[in-house]
Full PDB file with SEQRES, HELIX, SHEET, SSBOND, CRYST1, ORIGX, SCALE, CONECT and MASTER records, all heavy atoms in Angstrom:
SEQRES   1 A   35  GLY ARG GLY GLU ALA GLU LEU ALA ARG PHE ALA ALA ALA          
SEQRES   2 A   35  ALA GLU LEU ALA HIS ASP LEU GLY LEU GLY VAL ASN ALA          
SEQRES   3 A   35  GLY HIS ASP LEU ASP LEU ASP ASN LEU                          
HELIX    1 AA1 GLY A    3  ASP A   19  1                                  17    
CRYST1    1.000    1.000    1.000  90.00  90.00  90.00 P 1           1          
ORIGX1      1.000000  0.000000  0.000000        0.00000                         
ORIGX2      0.000000  1.000000  0.000000        0.00000                         
ORIGX3      0.000000  0.000000  1.000000        0.00000                         
SCALE1      1.000000  0.000000  0.000000        0.00000                         
SCALE2      0.000000  1.000000  0.000000        0.00000                         
SCALE3      0.000000  0.000000  1.000000        0.00000                         
ATOM      1  N   GLY A   1    -113.510 263.181  68.331  1.00  0.00           N  
ATOM      2  CA  GLY A   1    -112.839 263.823  69.451  1.00  0.00           C  
ATOM      3  C   GLY A   1    -112.570 262.928  70.630  1.00  0.00           C  
ATOM      4  O   GLY A   1    -112.253 263.401  71.725  1.00  0.00           O  
ATOM      5  N   ARG A   2    -112.665 261.613  70.439  1.00  0.00           N  
ATOM      6  CA  ARG A   2    -112.467 260.650  71.526  1.00  0.00           C  
ATOM      7  C   ARG A   2    -111.259 259.744  71.282  1.00  0.00           C  
ATOM      8  O   ARG A   2    -111.200 258.611  71.747  1.00  0.00           O  
ATOM      9  CB  ARG A   2    -113.723 259.798  71.701  1.00  0.00           C  
ATOM     10  CG  ARG A   2    -114.955 260.593  72.128  1.00  0.00           C  
ATOM     11  CD  ARG A   2    -116.179 259.699  72.338  1.00  0.00           C  
ATOM     12  NE  ARG A   2    -116.731 259.238  71.059  1.00  0.00           N  
ATOM     13  CZ  ARG A   2    -116.552 258.036  70.540  1.00  0.00           C  
ATOM     14  NH1 ARG A   2    -115.804 257.146  71.164  1.00  0.00           N  
ATOM     15  NH2 ARG A   2    -117.101 257.711  69.376  1.00  0.00           N  
ATOM     16  N   GLY A   3    -110.279 260.259  70.543  1.00  0.00           N  
ATOM     17  CA  GLY A   3    -109.142 259.441  70.164  1.00  0.00           C  
ATOM     18  C   GLY A   3    -108.315 258.943  71.336  1.00  0.00           C  
ATOM     19  O   GLY A   3    -107.903 257.779  71.375  1.00  0.00           O  
ATOM     20  N   GLU A   4    -108.065 259.805  72.312  1.00  0.00           N  
ATOM     21  CA  GLU A   4    -107.233 259.406  73.460  1.00  0.00           C  
ATOM     22  C   GLU A   4    -107.875 258.258  74.234  1.00  0.00           C  
ATOM     23  O   GLU A   4    -107.199 257.295  74.607  1.00  0.00           O  
ATOM     24  CB  GLU A   4    -107.019 260.609  74.380  1.00  0.00           C  
ATOM     25  CG  GLU A   4    -106.123 261.696  73.793  1.00  0.00           C  
ATOM     26  CD  GLU A   4    -104.640 261.396  73.948  1.00  0.00           C  
ATOM     27  OE1 GLU A   4    -104.303 260.336  74.518  1.00  0.00           O  
ATOM     28  OE2 GLU A   4    -103.838 262.228  73.503  1.00  0.00           O  
ATOM     29  N   ALA A   5    -109.176 258.368  74.467  1.00  0.00           N  
ATOM     30  CA  ALA A   5    -109.863 257.312  75.215  1.00  0.00           C  
ATOM     31  C   ALA A   5    -109.845 255.991  74.451  1.00  0.00           C  
ATOM     32  O   ALA A   5    -109.637 254.920  75.039  1.00  0.00           O  
ATOM     33  CB  ALA A   5    -111.304 257.735  75.510  1.00  0.00           C  
ATOM     34  N   GLU A   6    -110.056 256.064  73.144  1.00  0.00           N  
ATOM     35  CA  GLU A   6    -110.057 254.834  72.350  1.00  0.00           C  
ATOM     36  C   GLU A   6    -108.655 254.246  72.254  1.00  0.00           C  
ATOM     37  O   GLU A   6    -108.482 253.018  72.257  1.00  0.00           O  
ATOM     38  CB  GLU A   6    -110.621 255.123  70.955  1.00  0.00           C  
ATOM     39  CG  GLU A   6    -110.836 253.893  70.096  1.00  0.00           C  
ATOM     40  CD  GLU A   6    -111.944 252.984  70.577  1.00  0.00           C  
ATOM     41  OE1 GLU A   6    -112.510 253.219  71.669  1.00  0.00           O  
ATOM     42  OE2 GLU A   6    -112.252 252.005  69.873  1.00  0.00           O  
ATOM     43  N   LEU A   7    -107.656 255.096  72.205  1.00  0.00           N  
ATOM     44  CA  LEU A   7    -106.284 254.600  72.162  1.00  0.00           C  
ATOM     45  C   LEU A   7    -105.972 253.792  73.418  1.00  0.00           C  
ATOM     46  O   LEU A   7    -105.262 252.779  73.343  1.00  0.00           O  
ATOM     47  CB  LEU A   7    -105.294 255.754  72.026  1.00  0.00           C  
ATOM     48  CG  LEU A   7    -103.819 255.337  71.892  1.00  0.00           C  
ATOM     49  CD1 LEU A   7    -103.590 254.577  70.588  1.00  0.00           C  
ATOM     50  CD2 LEU A   7    -102.900 256.551  71.973  1.00  0.00           C  
ATOM     51  N   ALA A   8    -106.516 254.205  74.546  1.00  0.00           N  
ATOM     52  CA  ALA A   8    -106.278 253.466  75.792  1.00  0.00           C  
ATOM     53  C   ALA A   8    -106.823 252.050  75.683  1.00  0.00           C  
ATOM     54  O   ALA A   8    -106.213 251.088  76.194  1.00  0.00           O  
ATOM     55  CB  ALA A   8    -106.922 254.210  76.962  1.00  0.00           C  
ATOM     56  N   ARG A   9    -107.969 251.890  75.040  1.00  0.00           N  
ATOM     57  CA  ARG A   9    -108.542 250.548  74.858  1.00  0.00           C  
ATOM     58  C   ARG A   9    -107.633 249.710  73.962  1.00  0.00           C  
ATOM     59  O   ARG A   9    -107.389 248.517  74.241  1.00  0.00           O  
ATOM     60  CB  ARG A   9    -109.941 250.664  74.249  1.00  0.00           C  
ATOM     61  CG  ARG A   9    -110.691 249.353  74.182  1.00  0.00           C  
ATOM     62  CD  ARG A   9    -112.143 249.575  73.758  1.00  0.00           C  
ATOM     63  NE  ARG A   9    -112.249 249.945  72.354  1.00  0.00           N  
ATOM     64  CZ  ARG A   9    -112.348 249.061  71.359  1.00  0.00           C  
ATOM     65  NH1 ARG A   9    -112.318 247.754  71.620  1.00  0.00           N  
ATOM     66  NH2 ARG A   9    -112.465 249.468  70.109  1.00  0.00           N  
ATOM     67  N   PHE A  10    -107.136 250.305  72.894  1.00  0.00           N  
ATOM     68  CA  PHE A  10    -106.223 249.593  72.002  1.00  0.00           C  
ATOM     69  C   PHE A  10    -104.912 249.259  72.719  1.00  0.00           C  
ATOM     70  O   PHE A  10    -104.326 248.189  72.504  1.00  0.00           O  
ATOM     71  CB  PHE A  10    -105.954 250.425  70.749  1.00  0.00           C  
ATOM     72  CG  PHE A  10    -106.984 250.255  69.673  1.00  0.00           C  
ATOM     73  CD1 PHE A  10    -108.230 250.849  69.783  1.00  0.00           C  
ATOM     74  CD2 PHE A  10    -106.715 249.494  68.547  1.00  0.00           C  
ATOM     75  CE1 PHE A  10    -109.197 250.693  68.794  1.00  0.00           C  
ATOM     76  CE2 PHE A  10    -107.661 249.328  67.547  1.00  0.00           C  
ATOM     77  CZ  PHE A  10    -108.910 249.919  67.670  1.00  0.00           C  
ATOM     78  N   ALA A  11    -104.465 250.174  73.576  1.00  0.00           N  
ATOM     79  CA  ALA A  11    -103.213 249.946  74.299  1.00  0.00           C  
ATOM     80  C   ALA A  11    -103.336 248.745  75.227  1.00  0.00           C  
ATOM     81  O   ALA A  11    -102.379 247.961  75.370  1.00  0.00           O  
ATOM     82  CB  ALA A  11    -102.822 251.192  75.084  1.00  0.00           C  
ATOM     83  N   ALA A  12    -104.494 248.575  75.856  1.00  0.00           N  
ATOM     84  CA  ALA A  12    -104.689 247.415  76.733  1.00  0.00           C  
ATOM     85  C   ALA A  12    -104.566 246.113  75.936  1.00  0.00           C  
ATOM     86  O   ALA A  12    -103.956 245.144  76.398  1.00  0.00           O  
ATOM     87  CB  ALA A  12    -106.051 247.509  77.410  1.00  0.00           C  
ATOM     88  N   ALA A  13    -105.128 246.096  74.736  1.00  0.00           N  
ATOM     89  CA  ALA A  13    -105.028 244.909  73.883  1.00  0.00           C  
ATOM     90  C   ALA A  13    -103.584 244.672  73.457  1.00  0.00           C  
ATOM     91  O   ALA A  13    -103.104 243.531  73.437  1.00  0.00           O  
ATOM     92  CB  ALA A  13    -105.932 245.064  72.664  1.00  0.00           C  
ATOM     93  N   ALA A  14    -102.877 245.758  73.114  1.00  0.00           N  
ATOM     94  CA  ALA A  14    -101.483 245.629  72.685  1.00  0.00           C  
ATOM     95  C   ALA A  14    -100.600 245.141  73.828  1.00  0.00           C  
ATOM     96  O   ALA A  14     -99.690 244.316  73.623  1.00  0.00           O  
ATOM     97  CB  ALA A  14    -100.981 246.966  72.151  1.00  0.00           C  
ATOM     98  N   GLU A  15    -100.846 245.641  75.028  1.00  0.00           N  
ATOM     99  CA  GLU A  15    -100.052 245.206  76.184  1.00  0.00           C  
ATOM    100  C   GLU A  15    -100.263 243.719  76.463  1.00  0.00           C  
ATOM    101  O   GLU A  15     -99.307 242.984  76.735  1.00  0.00           O  
ATOM    102  CB  GLU A  15    -100.424 246.032  77.420  1.00  0.00           C  
ATOM    103  CG  GLU A  15    -100.013 247.487  77.355  1.00  0.00           C  
ATOM    104  CD  GLU A  15     -98.519 247.709  77.579  1.00  0.00           C  
ATOM    105  OE1 GLU A  15     -97.748 246.727  77.635  1.00  0.00           O  
ATOM    106  OE2 GLU A  15     -98.137 248.880  77.683  1.00  0.00           O  
ATOM    107  N   LEU A  16    -101.520 243.269  76.392  1.00  0.00           N  
ATOM    108  CA  LEU A  16    -101.790 241.849  76.623  1.00  0.00           C  
ATOM    109  C   LEU A  16    -101.128 241.000  75.539  1.00  0.00           C  
ATOM    110  O   LEU A  16    -100.523 239.959  75.835  1.00  0.00           O  
ATOM    111  CB  LEU A  16    -103.297 241.588  76.650  1.00  0.00           C  
ATOM    112  CG  LEU A  16    -103.698 240.112  76.798  1.00  0.00           C  
ATOM    113  CD1 LEU A  16    -103.148 239.526  78.097  1.00  0.00           C  
ATOM    114  CD2 LEU A  16    -105.215 239.964  76.732  1.00  0.00           C  
ATOM    115  N   ALA A  17    -101.236 241.440  74.279  1.00  0.00           N  
ATOM    116  CA  ALA A  17    -100.606 240.693  73.185  1.00  0.00           C  
ATOM    117  C   ALA A  17     -99.105 240.552  73.424  1.00  0.00           C  
ATOM    118  O   ALA A  17     -98.532 239.469  73.266  1.00  0.00           O  
ATOM    119  CB  ALA A  17    -100.874 241.395  71.859  1.00  0.00           C  
ATOM    120  N   HIS A  18     -98.484 241.641  73.815  1.00  0.00           N  
ATOM    121  CA  HIS A  18     -97.042 241.609  74.084  1.00  0.00           C  
ATOM    122  C   HIS A  18     -96.722 240.642  75.228  1.00  0.00           C  
ATOM    123  O   HIS A  18     -95.769 239.852  75.142  1.00  0.00           O  
ATOM    124  CB  HIS A  18     -96.567 243.020  74.432  1.00  0.00           C  
ATOM    125  CG  HIS A  18     -95.111 243.112  74.732  1.00  0.00           C  
ATOM    126  ND1 HIS A  18     -94.128 243.002  73.773  1.00  0.00           N  
ATOM    127  CD2 HIS A  18     -94.453 243.276  75.924  1.00  0.00           C  
ATOM    128  CE1 HIS A  18     -92.940 243.115  74.323  1.00  0.00           C  
ATOM    129  NE2 HIS A  18     -93.106 243.278  75.621  1.00  0.00           N  
ATOM    130  N   ASP A  19     -97.537 240.689  76.281  1.00  0.00           N  
ATOM    131  CA  ASP A  19     -97.320 239.795  77.420  1.00  0.00           C  
ATOM    132  C   ASP A  19     -97.469 238.326  77.018  1.00  0.00           C  
ATOM    133  O   ASP A  19     -96.829 237.445  77.612  1.00  0.00           O  
ATOM    134  CB  ASP A  19     -98.307 240.118  78.539  1.00  0.00           C  
ATOM    135  CG  ASP A  19     -98.018 241.454  79.211  1.00  0.00           C  
ATOM    136  OD1 ASP A  19     -96.920 241.997  79.012  1.00  0.00           O  
ATOM    137  OD2 ASP A  19     -98.907 241.952  79.929  1.00  0.00           O  
ATOM    138  N   LEU A  20     -98.313 238.066  76.019  1.00  0.00           N  
ATOM    139  CA  LEU A  20     -98.547 236.693  75.561  1.00  0.00           C  
ATOM    140  C   LEU A  20     -97.566 236.268  74.464  1.00  0.00           C  
ATOM    141  O   LEU A  20     -97.671 235.167  73.927  1.00  0.00           O  
ATOM    142  CB  LEU A  20     -99.980 236.554  75.042  1.00  0.00           C  
ATOM    143  CG  LEU A  20    -101.095 236.736  76.075  1.00  0.00           C  
ATOM    144  CD1 LEU A  20    -102.470 236.639  75.405  1.00  0.00           C  
ATOM    145  CD2 LEU A  20    -100.972 235.695  77.190  1.00  0.00           C  
ATOM    146  N   GLY A  21     -96.639 237.155  74.124  1.00  0.00           N  
ATOM    147  CA  GLY A  21     -95.628 236.818  73.126  1.00  0.00           C  
ATOM    148  C   GLY A  21     -96.036 237.073  71.694  1.00  0.00           C  
ATOM    149  O   GLY A  21     -95.392 236.564  70.762  1.00  0.00           O  
ATOM    150  N   LEU A  22     -97.084 237.859  71.489  1.00  0.00           N  
ATOM    151  CA  LEU A  22     -97.554 238.166  70.141  1.00  0.00           C  
ATOM    152  C   LEU A  22     -97.041 239.526  69.679  1.00  0.00           C  
ATOM    153  O   LEU A  22     -97.017 240.488  70.457  1.00  0.00           O  
ATOM    154  CB  LEU A  22     -99.089 238.188  70.097  1.00  0.00           C  
ATOM    155  CG  LEU A  22     -99.817 236.908  70.496  1.00  0.00           C  
ATOM    156  CD1 LEU A  22    -101.315 237.163  70.549  1.00  0.00           C  
ATOM    157  CD2 LEU A  22     -99.495 235.782  69.534  1.00  0.00           C  
ATOM    158  N   GLY A  23     -96.658 239.624  68.413  1.00  0.00           N  
ATOM    159  CA  GLY A  23     -96.357 240.922  67.821  1.00  0.00           C  
ATOM    160  C   GLY A  23     -97.652 241.672  67.538  1.00  0.00           C  
ATOM    161  O   GLY A  23     -98.732 241.070  67.467  1.00  0.00           O  
ATOM    162  N   VAL A  24     -97.541 242.982  67.364  1.00  0.00           N  
ATOM    163  CA  VAL A  24     -98.722 243.826  67.198  1.00  0.00           C  
ATOM    164  C   VAL A  24     -98.636 244.624  65.895  1.00  0.00           C  
ATOM    165  O   VAL A  24     -97.755 245.475  65.736  1.00  0.00           O  
ATOM    166  CB  VAL A  24     -98.895 244.793  68.387  1.00  0.00           C  
ATOM    167  CG1 VAL A  24    -100.122 245.680  68.183  1.00  0.00           C  
ATOM    168  CG2 VAL A  24     -99.002 244.025  69.696  1.00  0.00           C  
ATOM    169  N   ASN A  25     -99.560 244.330  64.986  1.00  0.00           N  
ATOM    170  CA  ASN A  25     -99.752 245.117  63.772  1.00  0.00           C  
ATOM    171  C   ASN A  25    -101.086 245.851  63.884  1.00  0.00           C  
ATOM    172  O   ASN A  25    -101.891 245.562  64.768  1.00  0.00           O  
ATOM    173  CB  ASN A  25     -99.760 244.227  62.523  1.00  0.00           C  
ATOM    174  CG  ASN A  25     -98.464 243.474  62.321  1.00  0.00           C  
ATOM    175  OD1 ASN A  25     -97.436 243.826  62.884  1.00  0.00           O  
ATOM    176  ND2 ASN A  25     -98.501 242.434  61.507  1.00  0.00           N  
ATOM    177  N   ALA A  26    -101.330 246.767  62.969  1.00  0.00           N  
ATOM    178  CA  ALA A  26    -102.599 247.492  62.994  1.00  0.00           C  
ATOM    179  C   ALA A  26    -102.900 248.012  61.596  1.00  0.00           C  
ATOM    180  O   ALA A  26    -102.000 248.265  60.800  1.00  0.00           O  
ATOM    181  CB  ALA A  26    -102.536 248.661  63.983  1.00  0.00           C  
ATOM    182  N   GLY A  27    -104.194 248.175  61.317  1.00  0.00           N  
ATOM    183  CA  GLY A  27    -104.560 248.735  60.026  1.00  0.00           C  
ATOM    184  C   GLY A  27    -106.050 248.879  59.837  1.00  0.00           C  
ATOM    185  O   GLY A  27    -106.840 248.164  60.451  1.00  0.00           O  
ATOM    186  N   HIS A  28    -106.435 249.817  59.034  1.00  0.00           N  
ATOM    187  CA  HIS A  28    -107.772 250.124  58.554  1.00  0.00           C  
ATOM    188  C   HIS A  28    -108.140 251.549  58.963  1.00  0.00           C  
ATOM    189  O   HIS A  28    -108.307 251.842  60.145  1.00  0.00           O  
ATOM    190  CB  HIS A  28    -108.849 249.153  59.050  1.00  0.00           C  
ATOM    191  CG  HIS A  28    -109.975 248.996  58.065  1.00  0.00           C  
ATOM    192  ND1 HIS A  28    -109.924 248.131  56.999  1.00  0.00           N  
ATOM    193  CD2 HIS A  28    -111.157 249.629  57.956  1.00  0.00           C  
ATOM    194  CE1 HIS A  28    -111.037 248.213  56.291  1.00  0.00           C  
ATOM    195  NE2 HIS A  28    -111.805 249.140  56.850  1.00  0.00           N  
ATOM    196  N   ASP A  29    -108.251 252.411  57.969  1.00  0.00           N  
ATOM    197  CA  ASP A  29    -108.662 253.806  58.147  1.00  0.00           C  
ATOM    198  C   ASP A  29    -107.654 254.650  58.918  1.00  0.00           C  
ATOM    199  O   ASP A  29    -108.004 255.727  59.417  1.00  0.00           O  
ATOM    200  CB  ASP A  29    -110.040 253.903  58.796  1.00  0.00           C  
ATOM    201  CG  ASP A  29    -111.166 253.604  57.818  1.00  0.00           C  
ATOM    202  OD1 ASP A  29    -110.861 253.367  56.634  1.00  0.00           O  
ATOM    203  OD2 ASP A  29    -112.340 253.599  58.227  1.00  0.00           O  
ATOM    204  N   LEU A  30    -106.417 254.222  59.028  1.00  0.00           N  
ATOM    205  CA  LEU A  30    -105.376 255.092  59.559  1.00  0.00           C  
ATOM    206  C   LEU A  30    -104.961 256.076  58.472  1.00  0.00           C  
ATOM    207  O   LEU A  30    -104.851 255.711  57.300  1.00  0.00           O  
ATOM    208  CB  LEU A  30    -104.168 254.268  60.018  1.00  0.00           C  
ATOM    209  CG  LEU A  30    -104.413 253.330  61.202  1.00  0.00           C  
ATOM    210  CD1 LEU A  30    -103.176 252.488  61.474  1.00  0.00           C  
ATOM    211  CD2 LEU A  30    -104.832 254.104  62.449  1.00  0.00           C  
ATOM    212  N   ASP A  31    -104.733 257.339  58.871  1.00  0.00           N  
ATOM    213  CA  ASP A  31    -104.360 258.362  57.901  1.00  0.00           C  
ATOM    214  C   ASP A  31    -103.429 259.375  58.552  1.00  0.00           C  
ATOM    215  O   ASP A  31    -103.044 259.227  59.722  1.00  0.00           O  
ATOM    216  CB  ASP A  31    -105.609 259.048  57.308  1.00  0.00           C  
ATOM    217  CG  ASP A  31    -106.496 259.708  58.345  1.00  0.00           C  
ATOM    218  OD1 ASP A  31    -105.985 260.107  59.419  1.00  0.00           O  
ATOM    219  OD2 ASP A  31    -107.709 259.848  58.098  1.00  0.00           O  
ATOM    220  N   LEU A  32    -103.072 260.418  57.815  1.00  0.00           N  
ATOM    221  CA  LEU A  32    -102.115 261.391  58.332  1.00  0.00           C  
ATOM    222  C   LEU A  32    -102.661 262.196  59.501  1.00  0.00           C  
ATOM    223  O   LEU A  32    -101.887 262.780  60.264  1.00  0.00           O  
ATOM    224  CB  LEU A  32    -101.661 262.330  57.209  1.00  0.00           C  
ATOM    225  CG  LEU A  32    -100.753 261.710  56.143  1.00  0.00           C  
ATOM    226  CD1 LEU A  32    -100.474 262.716  55.035  1.00  0.00           C  
ATOM    227  CD2 LEU A  32     -99.448 261.206  56.758  1.00  0.00           C  
ATOM    228  N   ASP A  33    -103.974 262.254  59.647  1.00  0.00           N  
ATOM    229  CA  ASP A  33    -104.566 262.981  60.769  1.00  0.00           C  
ATOM    230  C   ASP A  33    -104.531 262.163  62.058  1.00  0.00           C  
ATOM    231  O   ASP A  33    -104.169 262.678  63.122  1.00  0.00           O  
ATOM    232  CB  ASP A  33    -106.015 263.367  60.448  1.00  0.00           C  
ATOM    233  CG  ASP A  33    -106.113 264.400  59.347  1.00  0.00           C  
ATOM    234  OD1 ASP A  33    -105.202 265.252  59.242  1.00  0.00           O  
ATOM    235  OD2 ASP A  33    -107.087 264.348  58.571  1.00  0.00           O  
ATOM    236  N   ASN A  34    -104.912 260.896  61.975  1.00  0.00           N  
ATOM    237  CA  ASN A  34    -105.015 260.111  63.209  1.00  0.00           C  
ATOM    238  C   ASN A  34    -103.777 259.277  63.531  1.00  0.00           C  
ATOM    239  O   ASN A  34    -103.611 258.816  64.663  1.00  0.00           O  
ATOM    240  CB  ASN A  34    -106.268 259.222  63.189  1.00  0.00           C  
ATOM    241  CG  ASN A  34    -106.312 258.251  62.025  1.00  0.00           C  
ATOM    242  OD1 ASN A  34    -105.307 257.645  61.660  1.00  0.00           O  
ATOM    243  ND2 ASN A  34    -107.499 258.073  61.436  1.00  0.00           N  
ATOM    244  N   LEU A  35    -102.888 259.092  62.548  1.00  0.00           N  
ATOM    245  CA  LEU A  35    -101.714 258.254  62.777  1.00  0.00           C  
ATOM    246  C   LEU A  35    -100.748 258.829  63.816  1.00  0.00           C  
ATOM    247  O   LEU A  35    -100.151 258.052  64.576  1.00  0.00           O  
ATOM    248  CB  LEU A  35    -100.991 257.986  61.455  1.00  0.00           C  
ATOM    249  CG  LEU A  35     -99.839 256.981  61.497  1.00  0.00           C  
ATOM    250  CD1 LEU A  35    -100.317 255.620  61.987  1.00  0.00           C  
ATOM    251  CD2 LEU A  35     -99.190 256.858  60.116  1.00  0.00           C  
TER     252      LEU A  35                                                      
MASTER        0    0    0    1    0    0    0    6  251    1    0    3          
END                                                                             
């Protein structure tokens, strides 16, 4: 039940990656419920 809060942490990493010129992929345990 803490998906929104954890997504914010991932978003910070994705934003920094984008700012540094890196593309962003993701994977492991993603499914139709959490995707």
